Structures are given as C-alpha cells and as structure tokens.
Amino acid sequence: MSDEALVALFGVLVTLVLTSGSIFYLAQQTKAAVEQAKTAHQQAAVAANETVLGALREIHLLMIERPALRPYFYGGKSCPENDPLCAEVVTVGELLADVMNQGIVTHETNPQSTSAAPWDDYCRTTLASSPVLRELIAVHPKWWPDLVARCPTQP
C-alpha cells in the first residue's frame, strides 16, 4: 500500500473516531437536556399545585374569620335568597368553585401528580355537602366545566 493510501486511510479512521466521539457527546448532552426538562416540568407541577392549595388556604382562612360561612360548604346548609349572608355565601362559593376547578385542571395537566385522586375526592365530597356549590354550578356550568361531572346527581 502506498504512503498516500495509508495517509488517506489514517485520515478516514481519525474522522470516524472523532465523529463517533461527537455523536457520543451529543447523546450525553441530549440525555442531560431531557433530564433537565423533566425536572423543570416537575417543579412547574409542584408550583401549580402549591398555587391551588394556597388559594384554598385563603378561603379556609376566610371561613375561620367568618365561621358562619363554613356550614354552607361543608355542612349541607342551603342559602335561601332571604338569608342575610346570601351575597357573601355566593361570592365565597364562586371563589371556592374557581379553586376547585383550577385544581382539577392543574392535576389533569400533570398526570404524574400523586395528589390528583385526593383532590378529586375533596371536590366530590365538598360538592356533595354543599347545596350552594351545586346550585352555582347548575346555574353557570360553563364557568366551572370540570365540576359539572363531579356534582352528585341527587343533592
């Protein structure tokens, strides 16, 4: 084999080694990028869940300040229009429905969430115990579309 052929063969071998090394390095970088994306997604899911729980906490703090409100949402108490608390109860009900619906959306967009089932149970239990929430959702189903199917068929 001539010197020129050996040099050419050596050049091809060096190119193959360098290309293989580049491909291996690219694969490692891609793997690291995928891991970073997974971590970022998990952190976003946790942050979204914390936002929903923070909003629910605010409603519960409001119920601590105004204990007469709690039975309308967790005690099965109805709210006739002549009830002096009716406007306040309806407003808190709208806030609670917003938080519940957003929690469902948050969990549905993060299927690996371990708190999806407990949140769904919380929503179903709360809707079952609150004629006020059921009535709000019946009157405005498009406002809280993810709660409609979770409402019990009978009050």
N, C-alpha and C. Protein backbone atom coordinates (compact mmCIF):
# COMPACT_ATOMS: atom_id res chain seq x y z
N MET A 1 0.87 -1.16 0.00
CA MET A 1 0.00 0.00 0.00
C MET A 1 0.91 1.22 0.00
N SER A 2 0.52 2.19 -0.75
CA SER A 2 1.35 3.38 -0.88
C SER A 2 1.19 4.28 0.33
N ASP A 3 2.16 5.18 0.46
CA ASP A 3 2.11 6.14 1.57
C ASP A 3 0.85 7.01 1.50
N GLU A 4 0.45 7.38 0.31
CA GLU A 4 -0.74 8.22 0.14
C GLU A 4 -2.00 7.47 0.57
N ALA A 5 -2.04 6.18 0.26
CA ALA A 5 -3.19 5.37 0.65
C ALA A 5 -3.24 5.21 2.17
N LEU A 6 -2.08 5.04 2.80
CA LEU A 6 -2.04 4.94 4.26
C LEU A 6 -2.46 6.23 4.93
N VAL A 7 -2.02 7.34 4.40
CA VAL A 7 -2.40 8.65 4.94
C VAL A 7 -3.92 8.84 4.80
N ALA A 8 -4.46 8.47 3.64
CA ALA A 8 -5.90 8.60 3.42
C ALA A 8 -6.68 7.70 4.38
N LEU A 9 -6.19 6.44 4.54
CA LEU A 9 -6.84 5.51 5.46
C LEU A 9 -6.76 6.02 6.90
N PHE A 10 -5.61 6.53 7.28
CA PHE A 10 -5.46 7.12 8.60
C PHE A 10 -6.43 8.29 8.79
N GLY A 11 -6.57 9.13 7.78
CA GLY A 11 -7.50 10.26 7.83
C GLY A 11 -8.93 9.82 8.02
N VAL A 12 -9.31 8.73 7.32
CA VAL A 12 -10.67 8.20 7.44
C VAL A 12 -10.89 7.66 8.86
N LEU A 13 -9.91 6.95 9.39
CA LEU A 13 -10.02 6.41 10.75
C LEU A 13 -10.14 7.52 11.79
N VAL A 14 -9.31 8.55 11.65
CA VAL A 14 -9.38 9.68 12.58
C VAL A 14 -10.75 10.34 12.49
N THR A 15 -11.26 10.51 11.29
CA THR A 15 -12.59 11.13 11.09
C THR A 15 -13.67 10.27 11.75
N LEU A 16 -13.59 8.94 11.59
CA LEU A 16 -14.58 8.06 12.22
C LEU A 16 -14.52 8.14 13.74
N VAL A 17 -13.33 8.15 14.30
CA VAL A 17 -13.17 8.25 15.76
C VAL A 17 -13.73 9.57 16.25
N LEU A 18 -13.38 10.66 15.59
CA LEU A 18 -13.86 11.98 16.01
C LEU A 18 -15.38 12.09 15.86
N THR A 19 -15.92 11.54 14.77
CA THR A 19 -17.37 11.59 14.56
C THR A 19 -18.08 10.76 15.63
N SER A 20 -17.53 9.57 15.93
CA SER A 20 -18.12 8.73 16.97
C SER A 20 -18.10 9.45 18.32
N GLY A 21 -16.98 10.09 18.63
CA GLY A 21 -16.88 10.85 19.88
C GLY A 21 -17.89 11.99 19.92
N SER A 22 -18.06 12.67 18.81
CA SER A 22 -19.03 13.77 18.74
C SER A 22 -20.46 13.26 18.95
N ILE A 23 -20.77 12.12 18.32
CA ILE A 23 -22.11 11.55 18.45
C ILE A 23 -22.35 11.13 19.91
N PHE A 24 -21.35 10.50 20.53
CA PHE A 24 -21.48 10.10 21.93
C PHE A 24 -21.70 11.33 22.82
N TYR A 25 -20.93 12.38 22.59
CA TYR A 25 -21.06 13.62 23.38
C TYR A 25 -22.45 14.23 23.17
N LEU A 26 -22.92 14.24 21.92
CA LEU A 26 -24.25 14.77 21.62
C LEU A 26 -25.33 13.96 22.34
N ALA A 27 -25.17 12.64 22.37
CA ALA A 27 -26.14 11.79 23.07
C ALA A 27 -26.17 12.11 24.56
N GLN A 28 -24.99 12.32 25.15
CA GLN A 28 -24.92 12.67 26.58
C GLN A 28 -25.59 14.02 26.84
N GLN A 29 -25.36 14.97 25.96
CA GLN A 29 -25.96 16.30 26.11
C GLN A 29 -27.48 16.22 25.96
N THR A 30 -27.94 15.42 25.03
CA THR A 30 -29.38 15.26 24.83
C THR A 30 -30.02 14.62 26.06
N LYS A 31 -29.36 13.60 26.60
CA LYS A 31 -29.86 12.95 27.81
C LYS A 31 -29.95 13.95 28.97
N ALA A 32 -28.94 14.77 29.13
CA ALA A 32 -28.94 15.78 30.20
C ALA A 32 -30.05 16.80 29.98
N ALA A 33 -30.27 17.19 28.72
CA ALA A 33 -31.34 18.16 28.42
C ALA A 33 -32.71 17.57 28.74
N VAL A 34 -32.91 16.30 28.44
CA VAL A 34 -34.18 15.63 28.74
C VAL A 34 -34.40 15.59 30.25
N GLU A 35 -33.37 15.25 30.99
CA GLU A 35 -33.48 15.22 32.46
C GLU A 35 -33.80 16.60 33.02
N GLN A 36 -33.17 17.62 32.49
CA GLN A 36 -33.44 18.99 32.94
C GLN A 36 -34.88 19.37 32.63
N ALA A 37 -35.38 18.98 31.46
CA ALA A 37 -36.76 19.29 31.08
C ALA A 37 -37.74 18.58 32.01
N LYS A 38 -37.45 17.31 32.35
CA LYS A 38 -38.32 16.58 33.28
C LYS A 38 -38.34 17.26 34.65
N THR A 39 -37.18 17.65 35.12
CA THR A 39 -37.09 18.32 36.41
C THR A 39 -37.86 19.63 36.40
N ALA A 40 -37.69 20.40 35.33
CA ALA A 40 -38.41 21.68 35.22
C ALA A 40 -39.91 21.45 35.19
N HIS A 41 -40.36 20.42 34.49
CA HIS A 41 -41.79 20.12 34.42
C HIS A 41 -42.32 19.73 35.81
N GLN A 42 -41.57 18.91 36.53
CA GLN A 42 -41.98 18.51 37.87
C GLN A 42 -42.04 19.72 38.80
N GLN A 43 -41.08 20.62 38.69
CA GLN A 43 -41.09 21.82 39.53
C GLN A 43 -42.28 22.71 39.18
N ALA A 44 -42.61 22.81 37.90
CA ALA A 44 -43.77 23.60 37.50
C ALA A 44 -45.06 22.97 38.03
N ALA A 45 -45.14 21.65 38.01
CA ALA A 45 -46.33 20.96 38.53
C ALA A 45 -46.48 21.21 40.02
N VAL A 46 -45.37 21.13 40.75
CA VAL A 46 -45.41 21.38 42.19
C VAL A 46 -45.83 22.83 42.46
N ALA A 47 -45.29 23.76 41.70
CA ALA A 47 -45.63 25.18 41.89
C ALA A 47 -47.11 25.43 41.60
N ALA A 48 -47.62 24.80 40.53
CA ALA A 48 -49.04 24.97 40.20
C ALA A 48 -49.92 24.40 41.30
N ASN A 49 -49.56 23.25 41.83
CA ASN A 49 -50.33 22.64 42.92
C ASN A 49 -50.28 23.51 44.17
N GLU A 50 -49.10 24.05 44.46
CA GLU A 50 -48.96 24.94 45.62
C GLU A 50 -49.82 26.20 45.46
N THR A 51 -49.93 26.70 44.25
CA THR A 51 -50.77 27.87 44.00
C THR A 51 -52.23 27.56 44.31
N VAL A 52 -52.69 26.40 43.85
CA VAL A 52 -54.08 25.99 44.11
C VAL A 52 -54.31 25.80 45.61
N LEU A 53 -53.39 25.11 46.26
CA LEU A 53 -53.54 24.89 47.71
C LEU A 53 -53.47 26.20 48.49
N GLY A 54 -52.65 27.14 48.02
CA GLY A 54 -52.58 28.45 48.66
C GLY A 54 -53.91 29.20 48.55
N ALA A 55 -54.54 29.10 47.38
CA ALA A 55 -55.84 29.75 47.20
C ALA A 55 -56.90 29.09 48.09
N LEU A 56 -56.86 27.77 48.21
CA LEU A 56 -57.80 27.08 49.09
C LEU A 56 -57.56 27.48 50.54
N ARG A 57 -56.30 27.60 50.91
CA ARG A 57 -55.94 28.03 52.27
C ARG A 57 -56.55 29.41 52.56
N GLU A 58 -56.50 30.31 51.59
CA GLU A 58 -57.08 31.64 51.78
C GLU A 58 -58.59 31.57 52.03
N ILE A 59 -59.27 30.69 51.33
CA ILE A 59 -60.71 30.53 51.55
C ILE A 59 -60.98 29.96 52.94
N HIS A 60 -60.15 29.01 53.34
CA HIS A 60 -60.33 28.44 54.68
C HIS A 60 -60.04 29.48 55.76
N LEU A 61 -59.05 30.33 55.52
CA LEU A 61 -58.79 31.42 56.49
C LEU A 61 -59.98 32.37 56.57
N LEU A 62 -60.61 32.63 55.44
CA LEU A 62 -61.81 33.45 55.43
C LEU A 62 -62.92 32.79 56.25
N MET A 63 -63.02 31.47 56.15
CA MET A 63 -64.03 30.75 56.94
C MET A 63 -63.69 30.74 58.42
N ILE A 64 -62.43 30.80 58.75
CA ILE A 64 -62.04 30.91 60.16
C ILE A 64 -62.45 32.28 60.69
N GLU A 65 -62.25 33.30 59.88
CA GLU A 65 -62.65 34.66 60.29
C GLU A 65 -64.17 34.80 60.34
N ARG A 66 -64.85 34.09 59.46
CA ARG A 66 -66.32 34.17 59.37
C ARG A 66 -66.88 32.75 59.49
N PRO A 67 -66.89 32.18 60.70
CA PRO A 67 -67.28 30.78 60.88
C PRO A 67 -68.70 30.46 60.43
N ALA A 68 -69.55 31.45 60.32
CA ALA A 68 -70.92 31.19 59.86
C ALA A 68 -70.96 30.74 58.40
N LEU A 69 -69.87 30.96 57.65
CA LEU A 69 -69.84 30.57 56.24
C LEU A 69 -69.61 29.07 56.04
N ARG A 70 -68.84 28.46 56.90
CA ARG A 70 -68.42 27.07 56.70
C ARG A 70 -69.57 26.08 56.48
N PRO A 71 -70.65 26.14 57.23
CA PRO A 71 -71.73 25.16 57.03
C PRO A 71 -72.34 25.18 55.62
N TYR A 72 -72.23 26.28 54.93
CA TYR A 72 -72.78 26.36 53.57
C TYR A 72 -71.96 25.52 52.58
N PHE A 73 -70.73 25.21 52.93
CA PHE A 73 -69.85 24.48 52.02
C PHE A 73 -69.47 23.09 52.51
N TYR A 74 -69.47 22.91 53.82
CA TYR A 74 -69.07 21.61 54.37
C TYR A 74 -70.12 20.99 55.28
N GLY A 75 -71.23 21.69 55.47
CA GLY A 75 -72.24 21.20 56.41
C GLY A 75 -73.61 20.97 55.82
N GLY A 76 -73.76 21.07 54.52
CA GLY A 76 -75.05 20.80 53.89
C GLY A 76 -76.09 21.89 54.03
N LYS A 77 -75.70 23.07 54.47
CA LYS A 77 -76.65 24.16 54.68
C LYS A 77 -76.98 24.86 53.37
N SER A 78 -78.27 25.04 53.12
CA SER A 78 -78.73 25.79 51.94
C SER A 78 -78.69 27.27 52.22
N CYS A 79 -78.80 28.05 51.18
CA CYS A 79 -78.76 29.50 51.33
C CYS A 79 -79.93 30.13 50.59
N PRO A 80 -81.06 30.28 51.28
CA PRO A 80 -82.19 30.93 50.61
C PRO A 80 -81.88 32.40 50.34
N GLU A 81 -82.55 32.97 49.36
CA GLU A 81 -82.27 34.35 48.96
C GLU A 81 -82.47 35.35 50.10
N ASN A 82 -83.34 35.04 51.05
CA ASN A 82 -83.59 35.98 52.14
C ASN A 82 -82.58 35.83 53.29
N ASP A 83 -81.65 34.91 53.15
CA ASP A 83 -80.59 34.72 54.15
C ASP A 83 -79.71 35.98 54.14
N PRO A 84 -79.47 36.62 55.29
CA PRO A 84 -78.67 37.85 55.32
C PRO A 84 -77.23 37.63 54.84
N LEU A 85 -76.75 36.40 54.86
CA LEU A 85 -75.39 36.11 54.39
C LEU A 85 -75.34 35.68 52.92
N CYS A 86 -76.48 35.70 52.25
CA CYS A 86 -76.57 35.11 50.91
C CYS A 86 -75.52 35.68 49.94
N ALA A 87 -75.39 36.97 49.85
CA ALA A 87 -74.42 37.56 48.90
C ALA A 87 -73.00 37.13 49.22
N GLU A 88 -72.67 37.12 50.50
CA GLU A 88 -71.34 36.71 50.92
C GLU A 88 -71.11 35.21 50.65
N VAL A 89 -72.11 34.40 50.93
CA VAL A 89 -72.01 32.96 50.69
C VAL A 89 -71.83 32.67 49.20
N VAL A 90 -72.58 33.34 48.37
CA VAL A 90 -72.47 33.14 46.92
C VAL A 90 -71.08 33.54 46.43
N THR A 91 -70.57 34.66 46.91
CA THR A 91 -69.24 35.10 46.49
C THR A 91 -68.16 34.12 46.92
N VAL A 92 -68.22 33.65 48.16
CA VAL A 92 -67.24 32.66 48.63
C VAL A 92 -67.41 31.36 47.85
N GLY A 93 -68.65 31.01 47.54
CA GLY A 93 -68.91 29.82 46.74
C GLY A 93 -68.28 29.92 45.36
N GLU A 94 -68.37 31.09 44.76
CA GLU A 94 -67.74 31.29 43.45
C GLU A 94 -66.22 31.16 43.55
N LEU A 95 -65.66 31.73 44.63
CA LEU A 95 -64.22 31.60 44.84
C LEU A 95 -63.81 30.14 45.03
N LEU A 96 -64.57 29.42 45.84
CA LEU A 96 -64.25 28.02 46.10
C LEU A 96 -64.39 27.18 44.83
N ALA A 97 -65.42 27.44 44.05
CA ALA A 97 -65.60 26.71 42.79
C ALA A 97 -64.44 27.00 41.84
N ASP A 98 -63.98 28.25 41.80
CA ASP A 98 -62.82 28.60 40.97
C ASP A 98 -61.60 27.78 41.37
N VAL A 99 -61.34 27.72 42.66
CA VAL A 99 -60.17 26.99 43.17
C VAL A 99 -60.32 25.50 42.88
N MET A 100 -61.49 24.94 43.13
CA MET A 100 -61.69 23.52 42.89
C MET A 100 -61.49 23.18 41.41
N ASN A 101 -62.08 23.99 40.54
CA ASN A 101 -61.95 23.73 39.11
C ASN A 101 -60.49 23.87 38.66
N GLN A 102 -59.81 24.89 39.16
CA GLN A 102 -58.40 25.07 38.79
C GLN A 102 -57.55 23.92 39.30
N GLY A 103 -57.87 23.40 40.45
CA GLY A 103 -57.14 22.25 40.97
C GLY A 103 -57.29 21.03 40.07
N ILE A 104 -58.49 20.84 39.56
CA ILE A 104 -58.72 19.72 38.64
C ILE A 104 -57.90 19.91 37.37
N VAL A 105 -57.94 21.12 36.81
CA VAL A 105 -57.17 21.41 35.60
C VAL A 105 -55.68 21.20 35.86
N THR A 106 -55.21 21.67 36.99
CA THR A 106 -53.79 21.52 37.34
C THR A 106 -53.40 20.05 37.39
N HIS A 107 -54.22 19.23 38.01
CA HIS A 107 -53.90 17.82 38.13
C HIS A 107 -54.03 17.09 36.79
N GLU A 108 -54.98 17.50 35.98
CA GLU A 108 -55.14 16.86 34.67
C GLU A 108 -53.97 17.19 33.74
N THR A 109 -53.37 18.36 33.89
CA THR A 109 -52.23 18.70 33.04
C THR A 109 -50.93 18.11 33.56
N ASN A 110 -50.97 17.52 34.74
CA ASN A 110 -49.81 16.87 35.34
C ASN A 110 -50.21 15.46 35.78
N PRO A 111 -50.35 14.53 34.82
CA PRO A 111 -50.89 13.21 35.15
C PRO A 111 -50.05 12.41 36.14
N GLN A 112 -48.77 12.74 36.30
CA GLN A 112 -47.94 12.01 37.26
C GLN A 112 -48.15 12.51 38.69
N SER A 113 -49.01 13.49 38.87
CA SER A 113 -49.26 14.03 40.20
C SER A 113 -49.82 12.96 41.12
N THR A 114 -49.27 12.89 42.31
CA THR A 114 -49.75 11.90 43.28
C THR A 114 -50.95 12.43 44.08
N SER A 115 -51.28 13.70 43.91
CA SER A 115 -52.39 14.26 44.66
C SER A 115 -53.66 14.43 43.81
N ALA A 116 -53.67 13.89 42.60
CA ALA A 116 -54.86 14.02 41.74
C ALA A 116 -56.06 13.31 42.36
N ALA A 117 -55.89 12.09 42.81
CA ALA A 117 -57.02 11.34 43.39
C ALA A 117 -57.54 11.99 44.68
N PRO A 118 -56.66 12.41 45.60
CA PRO A 118 -57.18 13.09 46.78
C PRO A 118 -57.91 14.40 46.44
N TRP A 119 -57.41 15.13 45.44
CA TRP A 119 -58.07 16.38 45.06
C TRP A 119 -59.45 16.08 44.47
N ASP A 120 -59.55 15.07 43.64
CA ASP A 120 -60.83 14.69 43.06
C ASP A 120 -61.80 14.29 44.17
N ASP A 121 -61.32 13.54 45.15
CA ASP A 121 -62.17 13.14 46.28
C ASP A 121 -62.62 14.36 47.08
N TYR A 122 -61.70 15.31 47.29
CA TYR A 122 -62.06 16.54 48.01
C TYR A 122 -63.18 17.26 47.26
N CYS A 123 -63.02 17.41 45.95
CA CYS A 123 -64.04 18.12 45.17
C CYS A 123 -65.39 17.41 45.24
N ARG A 124 -65.38 16.10 45.03
CA ARG A 124 -66.65 15.34 45.06
C ARG A 124 -67.31 15.41 46.44
N THR A 125 -66.52 15.30 47.49
CA THR A 125 -67.06 15.34 48.86
C THR A 125 -67.62 16.72 49.17
N THR A 126 -66.89 17.75 48.79
CA THR A 126 -67.35 19.12 49.04
C THR A 126 -68.62 19.42 48.25
N LEU A 127 -68.65 19.02 47.00
CA LEU A 127 -69.86 19.25 46.19
C LEU A 127 -71.06 18.49 46.77
N ALA A 128 -70.82 17.30 47.27
CA ALA A 128 -71.91 16.51 47.86
C ALA A 128 -72.45 17.18 49.13
N SER A 129 -71.59 17.91 49.83
CA SER A 129 -72.02 18.51 51.10
C SER A 129 -72.44 19.97 50.97
N SER A 130 -72.44 20.52 49.75
CA SER A 130 -72.75 21.94 49.60
C SER A 130 -73.83 22.20 48.55
N PRO A 131 -75.06 22.39 49.02
CA PRO A 131 -76.13 22.77 48.08
C PRO A 131 -75.81 24.09 47.37
N VAL A 132 -75.10 24.97 48.04
CA VAL A 132 -74.75 26.27 47.45
C VAL A 132 -73.86 26.07 46.22
N LEU A 133 -72.82 25.25 46.35
CA LEU A 133 -71.93 25.00 45.22
C LEU A 133 -72.67 24.29 44.08
N ARG A 134 -73.48 23.31 44.42
CA ARG A 134 -74.22 22.59 43.38
C ARG A 134 -75.14 23.53 42.62
N GLU A 135 -75.80 24.44 43.33
CA GLU A 135 -76.70 25.39 42.66
C GLU A 135 -75.91 26.35 41.77
N LEU A 136 -74.79 26.86 42.27
CA LEU A 136 -73.96 27.75 41.45
C LEU A 136 -73.52 27.06 40.16
N ILE A 137 -73.10 25.82 40.28
CA ILE A 137 -72.61 25.08 39.11
C ILE A 137 -73.76 24.77 38.16
N ALA A 138 -74.93 24.48 38.69
CA ALA A 138 -76.09 24.22 37.84
C ALA A 138 -76.49 25.47 37.06
N VAL A 139 -76.38 26.64 37.70
CA VAL A 139 -76.75 27.90 37.05
C VAL A 139 -75.68 28.33 36.05
N HIS A 140 -74.41 28.05 36.35
CA HIS A 140 -73.30 28.50 35.49
C HIS A 140 -72.35 27.34 35.15
N PRO A 141 -72.82 26.33 34.45
CA PRO A 141 -71.95 25.17 34.19
C PRO A 141 -70.71 25.49 33.34
N LYS A 142 -70.79 26.51 32.52
CA LYS A 142 -69.64 26.86 31.68
C LYS A 142 -68.54 27.57 32.47
N TRP A 143 -68.89 28.10 33.62
CA TRP A 143 -67.88 28.76 34.45
C TRP A 143 -66.95 27.74 35.09
N TRP A 144 -67.49 26.59 35.45
CA TRP A 144 -66.72 25.54 36.13
C TRP A 144 -66.97 24.20 35.45
N PRO A 145 -66.56 24.05 34.21
CA PRO A 145 -66.92 22.84 33.45
C PRO A 145 -66.40 21.54 34.05
N ASP A 146 -65.29 21.60 34.74
CA ASP A 146 -64.73 20.37 35.30
C ASP A 146 -65.42 19.94 36.59
N LEU A 147 -66.27 20.80 37.14
CA LEU A 147 -67.01 20.43 38.34
C LEU A 147 -68.37 19.82 38.02
N VAL A 148 -68.87 20.09 36.83
CA VAL A 148 -70.23 19.63 36.47
C VAL A 148 -70.33 18.11 36.64
N ALA A 149 -69.43 17.36 36.07
CA ALA A 149 -69.49 15.90 36.14
C ALA A 149 -69.23 15.36 37.54
N ARG A 150 -68.65 16.18 38.39
CA ARG A 150 -68.33 15.73 39.76
C ARG A 150 -69.46 16.02 40.75
N CYS A 151 -70.46 16.75 40.29
CA CYS A 151 -71.62 17.01 41.16
C CYS A 151 -72.44 15.74 41.29
N PRO A 152 -72.88 15.46 42.50
CA PRO A 152 -73.74 14.27 42.66
C PRO A 152 -75.05 14.48 41.91
N THR A 153 -75.64 13.40 41.45
CA THR A 153 -76.89 13.52 40.69
C THR A 153 -78.04 13.92 41.59
N GLN A 154 -77.98 13.56 42.86
CA GLN A 154 -79.02 13.95 43.79
C GLN A 154 -78.37 14.72 44.93
N PRO A 155 -79.01 15.83 45.34
CA PRO A 155 -78.44 16.62 46.45
C PRO A 155 -78.35 15.86 47.75
